[in-house]
Amino acid sequence: MPAEQRKWPRKVVPADGCLYGLGGELIGPCRLVDVSAGGAKLQYSSHNELPTEFFLLLSRNGQVRRRCRSIWREQDHIGVSFVESTAA
């Protein structure tokens, strides 16, 4: 079995979430499968095309959210990296 190649260890944290476009448009519900400091694995059952970047919201009020960039997609799972916020 090959050694772990990830930069950050992943932690299994099952949680419901929702994906939104950068302009605030609803993309759809998802499920957080695991997470690390640099990204996450999401379960997203829709076959609709995803934008390259979007927001992952993990709270109803939107205060717990991360900007994500889609890295890979396989069936109903998506690998994302977290995009750093740039302060103005």
Protein backbone atom coordinates (compact mmCIF):
# COMPACT_ATOMS: atom_id res chain seq x y z
CA MET A 1 0.00 0.00 0.00
CA PRO A 2 1.51 3.40 -0.98
CA ALA A 3 2.35 5.95 1.72
CA GLU A 4 0.00 8.89 2.30
CA GLN A 5 0.82 11.64 -0.22
CA ARG A 6 -1.42 14.43 1.09
CA LYS A 7 0.12 17.60 2.46
CA TRP A 8 -2.37 17.74 5.37
CA PRO A 9 -4.01 14.82 7.18
CA ARG A 10 -7.72 14.34 6.52
CA LYS A 11 -10.32 14.04 9.25
CA VAL A 12 -13.67 12.33 8.68
CA VAL A 13 -16.30 14.92 9.56
CA PRO A 14 -19.69 14.00 8.12
CA ALA A 15 -21.80 17.16 7.87
CA ASP A 16 -24.47 18.55 5.60
CA GLY A 17 -23.57 21.58 3.54
CA CYS A 18 -24.71 23.63 0.60
CA LEU A 19 -22.86 24.91 -2.46
CA TYR A 20 -23.30 28.47 -3.72
CA GLY A 21 -21.82 30.24 -6.71
CA LEU A 22 -19.50 33.19 -6.19
CA GLY A 23 -22.41 35.48 -7.09
CA GLY A 24 -24.61 33.99 -4.37
CA GLU A 25 -26.68 31.65 -6.57
CA LEU A 26 -27.68 28.31 -5.06
CA ILE A 27 -25.96 25.31 -6.67
CA GLY A 28 -27.32 22.61 -4.38
CA PRO A 29 -26.93 20.54 -1.23
CA CYS A 30 -23.87 18.41 -0.52
CA ARG A 31 -22.35 16.31 2.24
CA LEU A 32 -18.90 16.88 3.68
CA VAL A 33 -17.09 13.52 3.74
CA ASP A 34 -13.69 14.53 5.09
CA VAL A 35 -11.67 17.70 5.54
CA SER A 36 -8.10 18.92 5.99
CA ALA A 37 -6.50 22.32 6.39
CA GLY A 38 -6.19 22.60 2.61
CA GLY A 39 -9.32 20.99 1.21
CA ALA A 40 -12.15 18.53 1.47
CA LYS A 41 -13.97 15.65 -0.15
CA LEU A 42 -17.64 16.35 -0.81
CA GLN A 43 -20.52 14.13 -1.83
CA TYR A 44 -22.60 15.94 -4.45
CA SER A 45 -25.23 13.83 -6.20
CA SER A 46 -26.31 16.26 -8.92
CA HIS A 47 -24.87 15.67 -12.37
CA ASN A 48 -25.09 19.39 -13.11
CA GLU A 49 -21.83 21.04 -14.06
CA LEU A 50 -20.09 22.82 -11.22
CA PRO A 51 -18.23 26.10 -11.63
CA THR A 52 -14.49 25.92 -11.03
CA GLU A 53 -14.84 27.99 -7.84
CA PHE A 54 -17.76 28.17 -5.42
CA PHE A 55 -18.62 28.56 -1.74
CA LEU A 56 -19.21 25.64 0.63
CA LEU A 57 -21.57 26.72 3.41
CA LEU A 58 -21.72 24.59 6.53
CA SER A 59 -24.10 26.76 8.58
CA ARG A 60 -27.59 28.05 7.83
CA ASN A 61 -26.57 31.68 8.33
CA GLY A 62 -23.53 31.35 6.05
CA GLN A 63 -21.00 32.32 8.72
CA VAL A 64 -19.21 28.95 8.42
CA ARG A 65 -18.11 28.86 4.79
CA ARG A 66 -15.08 28.28 2.64
CA ARG A 67 -14.30 29.32 -0.89
CA CYS A 68 -13.42 26.18 -2.84
CA ARG A 69 -11.80 25.25 -6.14
CA SER A 70 -12.86 21.97 -7.72
CA ILE A 71 -9.83 19.70 -8.21
CA TRP A 72 -11.38 16.38 -9.26
CA ARG A 73 -14.77 14.74 -9.65
CA GLU A 74 -15.58 11.03 -9.66
CA GLN A 75 -19.20 9.88 -9.81
CA ASP A 76 -20.89 11.64 -6.87
CA HIS A 77 -17.73 12.81 -5.07
CA ILE A 78 -15.76 16.04 -5.54
CA GLY A 79 -12.29 16.91 -4.29
CA VAL A 80 -11.83 20.60 -3.52
CA SER A 81 -8.99 22.80 -2.36
CA PHE A 82 -9.71 25.79 -0.16
CA VAL A 83 -8.98 29.14 -1.77
CA GLU A 84 -7.35 31.71 0.47
CA SER A 85 -9.37 34.87 1.02
CA THR A 86 -7.60 38.04 0.00
CA ALA A 87 -8.09 40.94 2.36
CA ALA A 88 -8.81 44.30 0.77
